[in-house]
Amino acid sequence: MTPLKTQITYDDFSRLDIRIGKVVDVQPFPRARNPSWKVGVDVGAERTMWSSAQITNYEPAALIGTLVVCVCNFAPKNVAGFTSELLILGARNSDGNVIVLTPRSEVAPGEPVY
């Protein structure tokens, strides 16, 4: 079991821009060190942001249209020559696959997570 991390304040949490996004594009990413997709996510405000995501246990067609929970205000990260702008949140299952976090009901892209 993973131990709990040290406590933070609500102000620490409130600086994160966590919101609902909608997957609009998935492309192969053969240059990635670990198997990954390049994933385009509609985060609202007529903006698509891109992520390098280790979620290759999902077929690209199955991801298109999926609502995801993502962090939108991390600094961009260069991953094998690709600029990853956001982090799609997920958790590993017992098989080690990343399971994407998604809302249980329909939510508009761009809605913040509180």
Protein backbone atom coordinates (compact mmCIF):
# COMPACT_ATOMS: atom_id res chain seq x y z
CA MET A 1 0.00 0.00 0.00
CA THR A 2 1.30 3.47 -0.86
CA PRO A 3 1.74 5.66 2.22
CA LEU A 4 -0.06 9.00 2.49
CA LYS A 5 1.93 12.09 1.52
CA THR A 6 2.54 15.00 3.88
CA GLN A 7 -0.34 17.38 4.46
CA ILE A 8 -0.78 20.48 2.33
CA THR A 9 -3.02 23.49 2.78
CA TYR A 10 -6.17 24.25 0.82
CA ASP A 11 -4.24 27.14 -0.77
CA ASP A 12 -1.76 24.57 -2.19
CA PHE A 13 -4.65 22.60 -3.70
CA SER A 14 -6.44 25.69 -5.01
CA ARG A 15 -3.42 26.63 -7.17
CA LEU A 16 -3.98 23.51 -9.26
CA ASP A 17 -6.19 23.96 -12.32
CA ILE A 18 -7.94 20.59 -12.28
CA ARG A 19 -10.77 20.37 -14.76
CA ILE A 20 -12.81 18.06 -16.93
CA GLY A 21 -11.56 17.64 -20.47
CA LYS A 22 -12.83 15.72 -23.48
CA VAL A 23 -10.45 13.60 -25.57
CA VAL A 24 -10.64 14.86 -29.16
CA ASP A 25 -7.54 13.28 -30.75
CA VAL A 26 -5.21 10.34 -30.08
CA GLN A 27 -2.01 9.82 -32.05
CA PRO A 28 0.78 7.26 -31.88
CA PHE A 29 3.91 8.26 -29.99
CA PRO A 30 6.64 5.83 -31.06
CA ARG A 31 9.48 8.04 -29.73
CA ALA A 32 8.27 7.81 -26.13
CA ARG A 33 10.48 5.73 -23.81
CA ASN A 34 7.42 4.10 -22.22
CA PRO A 35 4.43 3.12 -24.40
CA SER A 36 2.30 6.28 -24.72
CA TRP A 37 -0.22 8.12 -26.84
CA LYS A 38 -0.23 11.80 -27.80
CA VAL A 39 -3.66 12.83 -26.57
CA GLY A 40 -5.47 16.05 -27.51
CA VAL A 41 -7.92 17.20 -24.85
CA ASP A 42 -10.60 19.90 -25.16
CA VAL A 43 -10.30 21.75 -21.84
CA GLY A 44 -12.97 24.38 -22.57
CA ALA A 45 -12.48 28.00 -23.61
CA GLU A 46 -12.05 26.75 -27.20
CA ARG A 47 -8.66 25.31 -26.26
CA THR A 48 -7.15 21.91 -26.99
CA MET A 49 -4.14 20.93 -24.91
CA TRP A 50 -1.88 17.95 -25.53
CA SER A 51 -0.58 15.26 -23.22
CA SER A 52 1.87 12.39 -23.46
CA ALA A 53 -0.17 9.73 -21.69
CA GLN A 54 0.83 6.18 -20.75
CA ILE A 55 -2.66 4.84 -21.40
CA THR A 56 -1.96 2.46 -24.27
CA ASN A 57 -4.17 -0.17 -22.62
CA TYR A 58 -6.98 1.86 -24.29
CA GLU A 59 -7.45 1.78 -28.06
CA PRO A 60 -7.40 5.29 -29.60
CA ALA A 61 -10.98 4.98 -30.90
CA ALA A 62 -12.19 4.05 -27.40
CA LEU A 63 -10.60 7.19 -25.95
CA ILE A 64 -12.11 9.67 -28.43
CA GLY A 65 -15.02 11.45 -26.75
CA THR A 66 -14.07 10.26 -23.27
CA LEU A 67 -14.31 12.77 -20.43
CA VAL A 68 -11.12 12.87 -18.36
CA VAL A 69 -9.91 14.62 -15.22
CA CYS A 70 -6.74 16.59 -15.90
CA VAL A 71 -4.35 19.12 -14.41
CA CYS A 72 -3.99 22.01 -16.84
CA ASN A 73 -1.47 24.35 -15.22
CA PHE A 74 1.73 22.34 -14.84
CA ALA A 75 4.64 23.80 -16.78
CA PRO A 76 4.95 22.21 -20.25
CA LYS A 77 7.24 19.17 -20.29
CA ASN A 78 9.36 17.98 -23.21
CA VAL A 79 8.81 14.25 -23.66
CA ALA A 80 10.95 12.82 -26.48
CA GLY A 81 10.63 16.03 -28.51
CA PHE A 82 6.88 16.42 -27.84
CA THR A 83 5.49 19.19 -25.61
CA SER A 84 3.14 17.71 -23.03
CA GLU A 85 0.93 20.51 -21.66
CA LEU A 86 -1.35 18.74 -19.22
CA LEU A 87 -1.58 15.68 -17.02
CA ILE A 88 -4.46 13.25 -17.48
CA LEU A 89 -5.17 11.72 -14.08
CA GLY A 90 -5.44 7.99 -13.58
CA ALA A 91 -4.69 5.15 -11.19
CA ARG A 92 -3.13 1.73 -11.80
CA ASN A 93 -5.30 -1.35 -11.51
CA SER A 94 -4.10 -4.75 -10.23
CA ASP A 95 -2.71 -5.56 -13.70
CA GLY A 96 -0.59 -2.38 -13.70
CA ASN A 97 -2.68 -0.61 -16.38
CA VAL A 98 -3.48 3.07 -15.91
CA ILE A 99 -7.23 3.56 -15.58
CA VAL A 100 -8.26 7.08 -16.60
CA LEU A 101 -10.25 9.05 -14.03
CA THR A 102 -13.56 10.18 -15.50
CA PRO A 103 -16.76 11.72 -14.07
CA ARG A 104 -19.72 9.43 -13.43
CA SER A 105 -22.12 11.80 -15.20
CA GLU A 106 -21.92 14.10 -18.21
CA VAL A 107 -19.97 17.29 -17.44
CA ALA A 108 -19.04 20.05 -19.90
CA PRO A 109 -15.37 20.24 -20.92
CA GLY A 110 -13.63 22.97 -18.97
CA GLU A 111 -15.62 22.53 -15.76
CA PRO A 112 -13.32 22.86 -12.74
CA VAL A 113 -12.88 20.10 -10.19
CA TYR A 114 -13.30 21.24 -6.58
